[in-house]
Structures are given as C-alpha cells and as structure tokens.
PDB file of N, CA and C in Angstrom:
ATOM      1  N   MET A   1     -22.593  12.863  -4.030  1.00  0.00           N
ATOM      2  CA  MET A   1     -23.373  11.772  -3.509  1.00  0.00           C
ATOM      3  C   MET A   1     -22.619  11.120  -2.349  1.00  0.00           C
ATOM      4  N   ARG A   2     -23.277  10.948  -1.238  1.00  0.00           N
ATOM      5  CA  ARG A   2     -22.663  10.333  -0.063  1.00  0.00           C
ATOM      6  C   ARG A   2     -23.113   8.879   0.035  1.00  0.00           C
ATOM      7  N   ILE A   3     -22.169   7.962  -0.085  1.00  0.00           N
ATOM      8  CA  ILE A   3     -22.436   6.528  -0.048  1.00  0.00           C
ATOM      9  C   ILE A   3     -22.441   6.059   1.400  1.00  0.00           C
ATOM     10  N   GLY A   4     -23.359   5.151   1.721  1.00  0.00           N
ATOM     11  CA  GLY A   4     -23.414   4.570   3.060  1.00  0.00           C
ATOM     12  C   GLY A   4     -22.922   3.133   3.049  1.00  0.00           C
ATOM     13  N   LEU A   5     -22.583   2.630   4.219  1.00  0.00           N
ATOM     14  CA  LEU A   5     -22.080   1.267   4.368  1.00  0.00           C
ATOM     15  C   LEU A   5     -23.076   0.251   3.809  1.00  0.00           C
ATOM     16  N   ASN A   6     -24.355   0.509   3.989  1.00  0.00           N
ATOM     17  CA  ASN A   6     -25.376  -0.431   3.521  1.00  0.00           C
ATOM     18  C   ASN A   6     -25.536  -0.437   1.991  1.00  0.00           C
ATOM     19  N   GLU A   7     -24.808   0.419   1.289  1.00  0.00           N
ATOM     20  CA  GLU A   7     -24.917   0.514  -0.171  1.00  0.00           C
ATOM     21  C   GLU A   7     -23.793  -0.208  -0.911  1.00  0.00           C
ATOM     22  N   ILE A   8     -22.884  -0.819  -0.166  1.00  0.00           N
ATOM     23  CA  ILE A   8     -21.806  -1.562  -0.818  1.00  0.00           C
ATOM     24  C   ILE A   8     -21.814  -2.997  -0.302  1.00  0.00           C
ATOM     25  N   SER A   9     -21.248  -3.895  -1.094  1.00  0.00           N
ATOM     26  CA  SER A   9     -21.255  -5.319  -0.763  1.00  0.00           C
ATOM     27  C   SER A   9     -20.203  -5.643   0.299  1.00  0.00           C
ATOM     28  N   SER A  10     -20.352  -6.813   0.901  1.00  0.00           N
ATOM     29  CA  SER A  10     -19.369  -7.258   1.888  1.00  0.00           C
ATOM     30  C   SER A  10     -17.997  -7.447   1.241  1.00  0.00           C
ATOM     31  N   ASP A  11     -17.958  -7.868  -0.026  1.00  0.00           N
ATOM     32  CA  ASP A  11     -16.676  -7.980  -0.736  1.00  0.00           C
ATOM     33  C   ASP A  11     -16.024  -6.617  -0.930  1.00  0.00           C
ATOM     34  N   GLN A  12     -16.831  -5.611  -1.189  1.00  0.00           N
ATOM     35  CA  GLN A  12     -16.292  -4.256  -1.330  1.00  0.00           C
ATOM     36  C   GLN A  12     -15.782  -3.737   0.006  1.00  0.00           C
ATOM     37  N   VAL A  13     -16.491  -4.038   1.092  1.00  0.00           N
ATOM     38  CA  VAL A  13     -16.018  -3.653   2.429  1.00  0.00           C
ATOM     39  C   VAL A  13     -14.682  -4.328   2.715  1.00  0.00           C
ATOM     40  N   ALA A  14     -14.573  -5.601   2.360  1.00  0.00           N
ATOM     41  CA  ALA A  14     -13.308  -6.320   2.558  1.00  0.00           C
ATOM     42  C   ALA A  14     -12.178  -5.666   1.761  1.00  0.00           C
ATOM     43  N   MET A  15     -12.491  -5.167   0.566  1.00  0.00           N
ATOM     44  CA  MET A  15     -11.471  -4.493  -0.240  1.00  0.00           C
ATOM     45  C   MET A  15     -11.045  -3.188   0.419  1.00  0.00           C
ATOM     46  N   LEU A  16     -11.995  -2.458   0.988  1.00  0.00           N
ATOM     47  CA  LEU A  16     -11.642  -1.239   1.722  1.00  0.00           C
ATOM     48  C   LEU A  16     -10.697  -1.578   2.869  1.00  0.00           C
ATOM     49  N   SER A  17     -10.967  -2.676   3.554  1.00  0.00           N
ATOM     50  CA  SER A  17     -10.095  -3.100   4.659  1.00  0.00           C
ATOM     51  C   SER A  17      -8.701  -3.438   4.153  1.00  0.00           C
ATOM     52  N   ARG A  18      -8.638  -4.114   3.026  1.00  0.00           N
ATOM     53  CA  ARG A  18      -7.326  -4.476   2.461  1.00  0.00           C
ATOM     54  C   ARG A  18      -6.530  -3.234   2.062  1.00  0.00           C
ATOM     55  N   LEU A  19      -7.218  -2.219   1.563  1.00  0.00           N
ATOM     56  CA  LEU A  19      -6.539  -0.983   1.156  1.00  0.00           C
ATOM     57  C   LEU A  19      -6.165  -0.106   2.350  1.00  0.00           C
ATOM     58  N   ASN A  20      -6.692  -0.410   3.510  1.00  0.00           N
ATOM     59  CA  ASN A  20      -6.430   0.370   4.718  1.00  0.00           C
ATOM     60  C   ASN A  20      -5.075  -0.031   5.300  1.00  0.00           C
ATOM     61  N   ASP A  21      -4.010   0.306   4.589  1.00  0.00           N
ATOM     62  CA  ASP A  21      -2.664  -0.156   4.927  1.00  0.00           C
ATOM     63  C   ASP A  21      -1.961   0.678   5.989  1.00  0.00           C
ATOM     64  N   ALA A  22      -2.446   1.867   6.266  1.00  0.00           N
ATOM     65  CA  ALA A  22      -1.784   2.765   7.226  1.00  0.00           C
ATOM     66  C   ALA A  22      -2.696   3.955   7.476  1.00  0.00           C
ATOM     67  N   PRO A  23      -2.358   4.777   8.485  1.00  0.00           N
ATOM     68  CA  PRO A  23      -3.108   6.035   8.656  1.00  0.00           C
ATOM     69  C   PRO A  23      -3.046   6.854   7.362  1.00  0.00           C
ATOM     70  N   ALA A  24      -4.035   7.695   7.153  1.00  0.00           N
ATOM     71  CA  ALA A  24      -4.165   8.446   5.891  1.00  0.00           C
ATOM     72  C   ALA A  24      -2.871   9.128   5.466  1.00  0.00           C
ATOM     73  N   ARG A  25      -2.172   9.747   6.392  1.00  0.00           N
ATOM     74  CA  ARG A  25      -0.966  10.499   6.010  1.00  0.00           C
ATOM     75  C   ARG A  25       0.166   9.598   5.519  1.00  0.00           C
ATOM     76  N   ASP A  26       0.146   8.305   5.896  1.00  0.00           N
ATOM     77  CA  ASP A  26       1.211   7.380   5.510  1.00  0.00           C
ATOM     78  C   ASP A  26       0.781   6.351   4.471  1.00  0.00           C
ATOM     79  N   SER A  27      -0.482   6.334   4.123  1.00  0.00           N
ATOM     80  CA  SER A  27      -1.020   5.292   3.261  1.00  0.00           C
ATOM     81  C   SER A  27      -0.587   5.464   1.808  1.00  0.00           C
ATOM     82  N   VAL A  28      -0.175   4.366   1.203  1.00  0.00           N
ATOM     83  CA  VAL A  28       0.131   4.372  -0.228  1.00  0.00           C
ATOM     84  C   VAL A  28      -0.830   3.477  -0.996  1.00  0.00           C
ATOM     85  N   GLY A  29      -1.559   2.618  -0.307  1.00  0.00           N
ATOM     86  CA  GLY A  29      -2.496   1.719  -0.956  1.00  0.00           C
ATOM     87  C   GLY A  29      -1.798   0.514  -1.542  1.00  0.00           C
ATOM     88  N   LEU A  30      -2.397  -0.044  -2.581  1.00  0.00           N
ATOM     89  CA  LEU A  30      -1.856  -1.223  -3.246  1.00  0.00           C
ATOM     90  C   LEU A  30      -1.729  -0.972  -4.735  1.00  0.00           C
ATOM     91  N   ARG A  31      -0.705  -1.559  -5.332  1.00  0.00           N
ATOM     92  CA  ARG A  31      -0.538  -1.415  -6.777  1.00  0.00           C
ATOM     93  C   ARG A  31      -1.277  -2.557  -7.469  1.00  0.00           C
ATOM     94  N   THR A  32      -1.604  -2.353  -8.720  1.00  0.00           N
ATOM     95  CA  THR A  32      -2.406  -3.333  -9.447  1.00  0.00           C
ATOM     96  C   THR A  32      -1.765  -4.715  -9.454  1.00  0.00           C
ATOM     97  N   GLY A  33      -0.452  -4.797  -9.466  1.00  0.00           N
ATOM     98  CA  GLY A  33       0.239  -6.085  -9.470  1.00  0.00           C
ATOM     99  C   GLY A  33       0.030  -6.895  -8.204  1.00  0.00           C
ATOM    100  N   GLU A  34      -0.456  -6.259  -7.146  1.00  0.00           N
ATOM    101  CA  GLU A  34      -0.709  -6.947  -5.880  1.00  0.00           C
ATOM    102  C   GLU A  34      -2.152  -7.432  -5.768  1.00  0.00           C
ATOM    103  N   LEU A  35      -2.956  -7.180  -6.782  1.00  0.00           N
ATOM    104  CA  LEU A  35      -4.385  -7.473  -6.725  1.00  0.00           C
ATOM    105  C   LEU A  35      -4.768  -8.603  -7.673  1.00  0.00           C
ATOM    106  N   SER A  36      -5.706  -9.435  -7.218  1.00  0.00           N
ATOM    107  CA  SER A  36      -6.283 -10.434  -8.111  1.00  0.00           C
ATOM    108  C   SER A  36      -7.239  -9.710  -9.070  1.00  0.00           C
ATOM    109  N   LEU A  37      -7.721 -10.413 -10.072  1.00  0.00           N
ATOM    110  CA  LEU A  37      -8.659  -9.790 -11.010  1.00  0.00           C
ATOM    111  C   LEU A  37      -9.950  -9.384 -10.300  1.00  0.00           C
ATOM    112  N   ASP A  38     -10.436 -10.199  -9.372  1.00  0.00           N
ATOM    113  CA  ASP A  38     -11.644  -9.835  -8.608  1.00  0.00           C
ATOM    114  C   ASP A  38     -11.404  -8.604  -7.750  1.00  0.00           C
ATOM    115  N   GLU A  39     -10.227  -8.524  -7.122  1.00  0.00           N
ATOM    116  CA  GLU A  39      -9.910  -7.347  -6.303  1.00  0.00           C
ATOM    117  C   GLU A  39      -9.782  -6.105  -7.168  1.00  0.00           C
ATOM    118  N   LEU A  40      -9.184  -6.247  -8.327  1.00  0.00           N
ATOM    119  CA  LEU A  40      -9.069  -5.117  -9.247  1.00  0.00           C
ATOM    120  C   LEU A  40     -10.458  -4.627  -9.659  1.00  0.00           C
ATOM    121  N   ARG A  41     -11.352  -5.550  -9.959  1.00  0.00           N
ATOM    122  CA  ARG A  41     -12.728  -5.179 -10.314  1.00  0.00           C
ATOM    123  C   ARG A  41     -13.398  -4.436  -9.167  1.00  0.00           C
ATOM    124  N   ARG A  42     -13.214  -4.920  -7.937  1.00  0.00           N
ATOM    125  CA  ARG A  42     -13.793  -4.236  -6.769  1.00  0.00           C
ATOM    126  C   ARG A  42     -13.214  -2.837  -6.616  1.00  0.00           C
ATOM    127  N   CYS A  43     -11.904  -2.701  -6.823  1.00  0.00           N
ATOM    128  CA  CYS A  43     -11.278  -1.373  -6.729  1.00  0.00           C
ATOM    129  C   CYS A  43     -11.876  -0.422  -7.762  1.00  0.00           C
ATOM    130  N   LEU A  44     -12.104  -0.907  -8.951  1.00  0.00           N
ATOM    131  CA  LEU A  44     -12.690  -0.058  -9.993  1.00  0.00           C
ATOM    132  C   LEU A  44     -14.121   0.330  -9.641  1.00  0.00           C
ATOM    133  N   GLU A  45     -14.885  -0.604  -9.065  1.00  0.00           N
ATOM    134  CA  GLU A  45     -16.245  -0.284  -8.615  1.00  0.00           C
ATOM    135  C   GLU A  45     -16.210   0.778  -7.516  1.00  0.00           C
ATOM    136  N   LEU A  46     -15.299   0.594  -6.556  1.00  0.00           N
ATOM    137  CA  LEU A  46     -15.185   1.543  -5.454  1.00  0.00           C
ATOM    138  C   LEU A  46     -14.668   2.897  -5.938  1.00  0.00           C
ATOM    139  N   HIS A  47     -13.830   2.884  -6.955  1.00  0.00           N
ATOM    140  CA  HIS A  47     -13.349   4.128  -7.556  1.00  0.00           C
ATOM    141  C   HIS A  47     -14.518   4.896  -8.162  1.00  0.00           C
ATOM    142  N   ALA A  48     -15.401   4.179  -8.851  1.00  0.00           N
ATOM    143  CA  ALA A  48     -16.572   4.822  -9.466  1.00  0.00           C
ATOM    144  C   ALA A  48     -17.483   5.445  -8.411  1.00  0.00           C
ATOM    145  N   LEU A  49     -17.462   4.902  -7.194  1.00  0.00           N
ATOM    146  CA  LEU A  49     -18.273   5.430  -6.094  1.00  0.00           C
ATOM    147  C   LEU A  49     -17.556   6.543  -5.319  1.00  0.00           C
ATOM    148  N   GLY A  50     -16.291   6.795  -5.655  1.00  0.00           N
ATOM    149  CA  GLY A  50     -15.528   7.833  -4.972  1.00  0.00           C
ATOM    150  C   GLY A  50     -14.922   7.381  -3.655  1.00  0.00           C
ATOM    151  N   LEU A  51     -14.860   6.061  -3.427  1.00  0.00           N
ATOM    152  CA  LEU A  51     -14.325   5.538  -2.165  1.00  0.00           C
ATOM    153  C   LEU A  51     -12.856   5.141  -2.267  1.00  0.00           C
ATOM    154  N   VAL A  52     -12.370   5.032  -3.494  1.00  0.00           N
ATOM    155  CA  VAL A  52     -10.985   4.638  -3.749  1.00  0.00           C
ATOM    156  C   VAL A  52     -10.427   5.555  -4.834  1.00  0.00           C
ATOM    157  N   SER A  53      -9.187   5.981  -4.648  1.00  0.00           N
ATOM    158  CA  SER A  53      -8.517   6.774  -5.683  1.00  0.00           C
ATOM    159  C   SER A  53      -7.624   5.862  -6.510  1.00  0.00           C
ATOM    160  N   ALA A  54      -7.398   6.243  -7.742  1.00  0.00           N
ATOM    161  CA  ALA A  54      -6.479   5.529  -8.632  1.00  0.00           C
ATOM    162  C   ALA A  54      -5.438   6.541  -9.095  1.00  0.00           C
ATOM    163  N   THR A  55      -4.183   6.229  -8.837  1.00  0.00           N
ATOM    164  CA  THR A  55      -3.099   7.139  -9.179  1.00  0.00           C
ATOM    165  C   THR A  55      -2.047   6.390  -9.982  1.00  0.00           C
ATOM    166  N   VAL A  56      -1.605   6.980 -11.062  1.00  0.00           N
ATOM    167  CA  VAL A  56      -0.530   6.385 -11.851  1.00  0.00           C
ATOM    168  C   VAL A  56       0.780   6.962 -11.344  1.00  0.00           C
ATOM    169  N   GLY A  57       1.705   6.064 -11.031  1.00  0.00           N
ATOM    170  CA  GLY A  57       2.986   6.480 -10.473  1.00  0.00           C
ATOM    171  C   GLY A  57       4.150   6.105 -11.361  1.00  0.00           C
ATOM    172  N   TRP A  58       5.275   5.904 -10.716  1.00  0.00           N
ATOM    173  CA  TRP A  58       6.533   5.602 -11.375  1.00  0.00           C
ATOM    174  C   TRP A  58       6.373   4.395 -12.293  1.00  0.00           C
ATOM    175  N   ARG A  59       6.900   4.490 -13.495  1.00  0.00           N
ATOM    176  CA  ARG A  59       6.851   3.449 -14.522  1.00  0.00           C
ATOM    177  C   ARG A  59       5.417   3.014 -14.836  1.00  0.00           C
ATOM    178  N   ASP A  60       4.522   3.991 -14.786  1.00  0.00           N
ATOM    179  CA  ASP A  60       3.111   3.785 -15.134  1.00  0.00           C
ATOM    180  C   ASP A  60       2.415   2.731 -14.278  1.00  0.00           C
ATOM    181  N   THR A  61       2.852   2.584 -13.047  1.00  0.00           N
ATOM    182  CA  THR A  61       2.196   1.669 -12.118  1.00  0.00           C
ATOM    183  C   THR A  61       0.972   2.360 -11.541  1.00  0.00           C
ATOM    184  N   CYS A  62      -0.164   1.665 -11.538  1.00  0.00           N
ATOM    185  CA  CYS A  62      -1.397   2.215 -10.985  1.00  0.00           C
ATOM    186  C   CYS A  62      -1.541   1.772  -9.529  1.00  0.00           C
ATOM    187  N   TRP A  63      -1.838   2.734  -8.671  1.00  0.00           N
ATOM    188  CA  TRP A  63      -2.022   2.480  -7.237  1.00  0.00           C
ATOM    189  C   TRP A  63      -3.446   2.819  -6.851  1.00  0.00           C
ATOM    190  N   PHE A  64      -4.053   1.980  -6.035  1.00  0.00           N
ATOM    191  CA  PHE A  64      -5.379   2.230  -5.491  1.00  0.00           C
ATOM    192  C   PHE A  64      -5.241   2.500  -4.000  1.00  0.00           C
ATOM    193  N   ALA A  65      -5.895   3.549  -3.524  1.00  0.00           N
ATOM    194  CA  ALA A  65      -5.845   3.913  -2.107  1.00  0.00           C
ATOM    195  C   ALA A  65      -7.211   4.441  -1.678  1.00  0.00           C
ATOM    196  N   LEU A  66      -7.457   4.412  -0.390  1.00  0.00           N
ATOM    197  CA  LEU A  66      -8.722   4.915   0.145  1.00  0.00           C
ATOM    198  C   LEU A  66      -8.800   6.426   0.031  1.00  0.00           C
ATOM    199  N   THR A  67      -9.956   6.923  -0.314  1.00  0.00           N
ATOM    200  CA  THR A  67     -10.229   8.359  -0.253  1.00  0.00           C
ATOM    201  C   THR A  67     -10.749   8.654   1.158  1.00  0.00           C
ATOM    202  N   PRO A  68     -10.888   9.914   1.535  1.00  0.00           N
ATOM    203  CA  PRO A  68     -11.493  10.217   2.844  1.00  0.00           C
ATOM    204  C   PRO A  68     -12.866   9.558   3.009  1.00  0.00           C
ATOM    205  N   ALA A  69     -13.663   9.538   1.948  1.00  0.00           N
ATOM    206  CA  ALA A  69     -14.981   8.882   2.022  1.00  0.00           C
ATOM    207  C   ALA A  69     -14.817   7.379   2.232  1.00  0.00           C
ATOM    208  N   GLY A  70     -13.840   6.773   1.581  1.00  0.00           N
ATOM    209  CA  GLY A  70     -13.561   5.352   1.766  1.00  0.00           C
ATOM    210  C   GLY A  70     -13.126   5.042   3.181  1.00  0.00           C
ATOM    211  N   ARG A  71     -12.320   5.922   3.765  1.00  0.00           N
ATOM    212  CA  ARG A  71     -11.905   5.741   5.169  1.00  0.00           C
ATOM    213  C   ARG A  71     -13.105   5.848   6.106  1.00  0.00           C
ATOM    214  N   ARG A  72     -14.011   6.767   5.805  1.00  0.00           N
ATOM    215  CA  ARG A  72     -15.205   6.927   6.640  1.00  0.00           C
ATOM    216  C   ARG A  72     -16.040   5.649   6.626  1.00  0.00           C
ATOM    217  N   ILE A  73     -16.263   5.102   5.431  1.00  0.00           N
ATOM    218  CA  ILE A  73     -17.025   3.856   5.310  1.00  0.00           C
ATOM    219  C   ILE A  73     -16.303   2.720   6.026  1.00  0.00           C
ATOM    220  N   ARG A  74     -15.008   2.637   5.849  1.00  0.00           N
ATOM    221  CA  ARG A  74     -14.202   1.571   6.493  1.00  0.00           C
ATOM    222  C   ARG A  74     -14.346   1.649   8.010  1.00  0.00           C
ATOM    223  N   ARG A  75     -14.329   2.844   8.569  1.00  0.00           N
ATOM    224  CA  ARG A  75     -14.468   3.010  10.037  1.00  0.00           C
ATOM    225  C   ARG A  75     -15.841   2.536  10.519  1.00  0.00           C
ATOM    226  N   GLN A  76     -16.861   2.648   9.680  1.00  0.00           N
ATOM    227  CA  GLN A  76     -18.215   2.238  10.049  1.00  0.00           C
ATOM    228  C   GLN A  76     -18.405   0.728  10.013  1.00  0.00           C
ATOM    229  N   ALA A  77     -17.562   0.044   9.258  1.00  0.00           N
ATOM    230  CA  ALA A  77     -17.713  -1.407   9.057  1.00  0.00           C
ATOM    231  C   ALA A  77     -17.294  -2.171  10.304  1.00  0.00           C
ATOM    232  N   PRO A  78     -17.994  -3.281  10.586  1.00  0.00           N
ATOM    233  CA  PRO A  78     -17.558  -4.119  11.700  1.00  0.00           C
ATOM    234  C   PRO A  78     -16.178  -4.697  11.409  1.00  0.00           C
ATOM    235  N   VAL A  79     -15.407  -4.898  12.432  1.00  0.00           N
ATOM    236  CA  VAL A  79     -14.035  -5.387  12.263  1.00  0.00           C
ATOM    237  C   VAL A  79     -13.986  -6.826  11.878  1.00  0.00           C
TER     238      VAL A  79
END
C-alpha cells in the first residue's frame, strides 16, 4: 500500500520532519527516551503505515527512523 501526504495528519508530518535527522545513509533516527508520549504514539502510527522503522539496539534501546517511504512523504511536505 502506498501512502500519500494527504493521508496522514499534520502532527504525523511534523514527526517525520523530526525523524529526518540526516541523509538516509547517515540517519540513525531517535531513541524512545528522546520522545514524548505523543511523539511515541505518532511513531507507532507511522510504523504501522510503513513510514517509520523501529529497531532495537544496544541495551534494548528502541530507535525510530524514516523508511524510504517515510522519506518520500517528508520530501513532499511543505517546509
């Protein structure tokens, strides 16, 4: 399923922008400890849509980062 910009909320777009920490090859995203409860909820919603990945790393820390689809949507959003 291909999600379009018009199918996500402005808060979700803002979360994509926050996760856009670097070019894809250098991006690590954000760990759960850096997110408010509302941001964590948005990340989980975006994960369900395939726009954000969730990866468990060192010491069981969960990291959220943009997927290629998430980057595509982020590029479409107004700055």
